[in-house]
Amino acid sequence: MSDLGWGARGATWSLRRQLWAWEEEMLE
């Protein structure tokens, strides 16, 4: 995914991406 709206949504996406990484690491 490309950074389309790097504003208020940017921060939300950043947090979501980190959560995704956490879940992936936890699942593995």
PDB file of N, CA and C in Angstrom:
ATOM      1  N   MET A   1       0.840  -1.204   0.000  1.00  0.00           N
ATOM      2  CA  MET A   1       0.000   0.000   0.000  1.00  0.00           C
ATOM      3  C   MET A   1       0.874   1.254   0.000  1.00  0.00           C
ATOM      4  N   SER A   2       0.478   2.239  -0.757  1.00  0.00           N
ATOM      5  CA  SER A   2       1.255   3.484  -0.817  1.00  0.00           C
ATOM      6  C   SER A   2       0.643   4.533   0.109  1.00  0.00           C
ATOM      7  N   ASP A   3       1.464   5.423   0.568  1.00  0.00           N
ATOM      8  CA  ASP A   3       0.967   6.469   1.467  1.00  0.00           C
ATOM      9  C   ASP A   3       0.117   7.467   0.691  1.00  0.00           C
ATOM     10  N   LEU A   4      -1.184   7.230   0.644  1.00  0.00           N
ATOM     11  CA  LEU A   4      -2.079   8.132  -0.099  1.00  0.00           C
ATOM     12  C   LEU A   4      -2.363   9.374   0.737  1.00  0.00           C
ATOM     13  N   GLY A   5      -2.968   9.203   1.883  1.00  0.00           N
ATOM     14  CA  GLY A   5      -3.282  10.364   2.741  1.00  0.00           C
ATOM     15  C   GLY A   5      -2.346  10.411   3.929  1.00  0.00           C
ATOM     16  N   TRP A   6      -1.199  11.027   3.746  1.00  0.00           N
ATOM     17  CA  TRP A   6      -0.227  11.113   4.847  1.00  0.00           C
ATOM     18  C   TRP A   6      -0.543  12.317   5.724  1.00  0.00           C
ATOM     19  N   GLY A   7      -1.697  12.284   6.380  1.00  0.00           N
ATOM     20  CA  GLY A   7      -2.061  13.403   7.265  1.00  0.00           C
ATOM     21  C   GLY A   7      -2.528  12.833   8.588  1.00  0.00           C
ATOM     22  N   ALA A   8      -3.756  13.093   8.927  1.00  0.00           N
ATOM     23  CA  ALA A   8      -4.301  12.525  10.163  1.00  0.00           C
ATOM     24  C   ALA A   8      -4.385  11.016  10.017  1.00  0.00           C
ATOM     25  N   ARG A   9      -4.629  10.566   8.768  1.00  0.00           N
ATOM     26  CA  ARG A   9      -4.729   9.112   8.541  1.00  0.00           C
ATOM     27  C   ARG A   9      -3.342   8.490   8.596  1.00  0.00           C
ATOM     28  N   GLY A  10      -2.338   9.258   8.275  1.00  0.00           N
ATOM     29  CA  GLY A  10      -0.976   8.718   8.289  1.00  0.00           C
ATOM     30  C   GLY A  10      -0.646   8.122   9.645  1.00  0.00           C
ATOM     31  N   ALA A  11      -0.979   8.837  10.707  1.00  0.00           N
ATOM     32  CA  ALA A  11      -0.666   8.345  12.052  1.00  0.00           C
ATOM     33  C   ALA A  11      -1.444   7.061  12.321  1.00  0.00           C
ATOM     34  N   THR A  12      -2.710   7.058  11.911  1.00  0.00           N
ATOM     35  CA  THR A  12      -3.527   5.862  12.140  1.00  0.00           C
ATOM     36  C   THR A  12      -2.952   4.669  11.396  1.00  0.00           C
ATOM     37  N   TRP A  13      -2.550   4.902  10.147  1.00  0.00           N
ATOM     38  CA  TRP A  13      -1.984   3.812   9.362  1.00  0.00           C
ATOM     39  C   TRP A  13      -0.707   3.296  10.001  1.00  0.00           C
ATOM     40  N   SER A  14       0.088   4.240  10.519  1.00  0.00           N
ATOM     41  CA  SER A  14       1.358   3.850  11.140  1.00  0.00           C
ATOM     42  C   SER A  14       1.073   2.901  12.305  1.00  0.00           C
ATOM     43  N   LEU A  15       0.104   3.268  13.133  1.00  0.00           N
ATOM     44  CA  LEU A  15      -0.234   2.427  14.283  1.00  0.00           C
ATOM     45  C   LEU A  15      -0.773   1.086  13.808  1.00  0.00           C
ATOM     46  N   ARG A  16      -1.624   1.139  12.782  1.00  0.00           N
ATOM     47  CA  ARG A  16      -2.203  -0.120  12.272  1.00  0.00           C
ATOM     48  C   ARG A  16      -1.103  -1.024  11.736  1.00  0.00           C
ATOM     49  N   ARG A  17      -0.176  -0.421  11.012  1.00  0.00           N
ATOM     50  CA  ARG A  17       0.901  -1.243  10.439  1.00  0.00           C
ATOM     51  C   ARG A  17       1.713  -1.883  11.551  1.00  0.00           C
ATOM     52  N   GLN A  18       1.958  -1.138  12.624  1.00  0.00           N
ATOM     53  CA  GLN A  18       2.728  -1.697  13.724  1.00  0.00           C
ATOM     54  C   GLN A  18       1.962  -2.850  14.364  1.00  0.00           C
ATOM     55  N   LEU A  19       0.656  -2.670  14.499  1.00  0.00           N
ATOM     56  CA  LEU A  19      -0.162  -3.732  15.087  1.00  0.00           C
ATOM     57  C   LEU A  19      -0.111  -4.973  14.203  1.00  0.00           C
ATOM     58  N   TRP A  20      -0.146  -4.755  12.899  1.00  0.00           N
ATOM     59  CA  TRP A  20      -0.082  -5.888  11.967  1.00  0.00           C
ATOM     60  C   TRP A  20       1.215  -6.651  12.160  1.00  0.00           C
ATOM     61  N   ALA A  21       2.314  -5.909  12.277  1.00  0.00           N
ATOM     62  CA  ALA A  21       3.625  -6.542  12.456  1.00  0.00           C
ATOM     63  C   ALA A  21       3.613  -7.341  13.754  1.00  0.00           C
ATOM     64  N   TRP A  22       3.010  -6.777  14.790  1.00  0.00           N
ATOM     65  CA  TRP A  22       2.956  -7.476  16.077  1.00  0.00           C
ATOM     66  C   TRP A  22       2.201  -8.784  15.929  1.00  0.00           C
ATOM     67  N   GLU A  23       1.031  -8.714  15.289  1.00  0.00           N
ATOM     68  CA  GLU A  23       0.225  -9.926  15.108  1.00  0.00           C
ATOM     69  C   GLU A  23       0.995 -10.959  14.305  1.00  0.00           C
ATOM     70  N   GLU A  24       1.660 -10.505  13.258  1.00  0.00           N
ATOM     71  CA  GLU A  24       2.426 -11.444  12.423  1.00  0.00           C
ATOM     72  C   GLU A  24       3.518 -12.103  13.248  1.00  0.00           C
ATOM     73  N   GLU A  25       4.203 -11.304  14.054  1.00  0.00           N
ATOM     74  CA  GLU A  25       5.283 -11.870  14.872  1.00  0.00           C
ATOM     75  C   GLU A  25       4.716 -12.824  15.910  1.00  0.00           C
ATOM     76  N   MET A  26       3.566 -12.459  16.471  1.00  0.00           N
ATOM     77  CA  MET A  26       2.956 -13.313  17.496  1.00  0.00           C
ATOM     78  C   MET A  26       2.464 -14.614  16.867  1.00  0.00           C
ATOM     79  N   LEU A  27       1.912 -14.512  15.664  1.00  0.00           N
ATOM     80  CA  LEU A  27       1.395 -15.708  14.995  1.00  0.00           C
ATOM     81  C   LEU A  27       2.525 -16.655  14.622  1.00  0.00           C
ATOM     82  N   GLU A  28       3.623 -16.080  14.184  1.00  0.00           N
ATOM     83  CA  GLU A  28       4.737 -16.946  13.762  1.00  0.00           C
ATOM     84  C   GLU A  28       5.386 -17.555  14.977  1.00  0.00           C
TER      85      GLU A  28
END
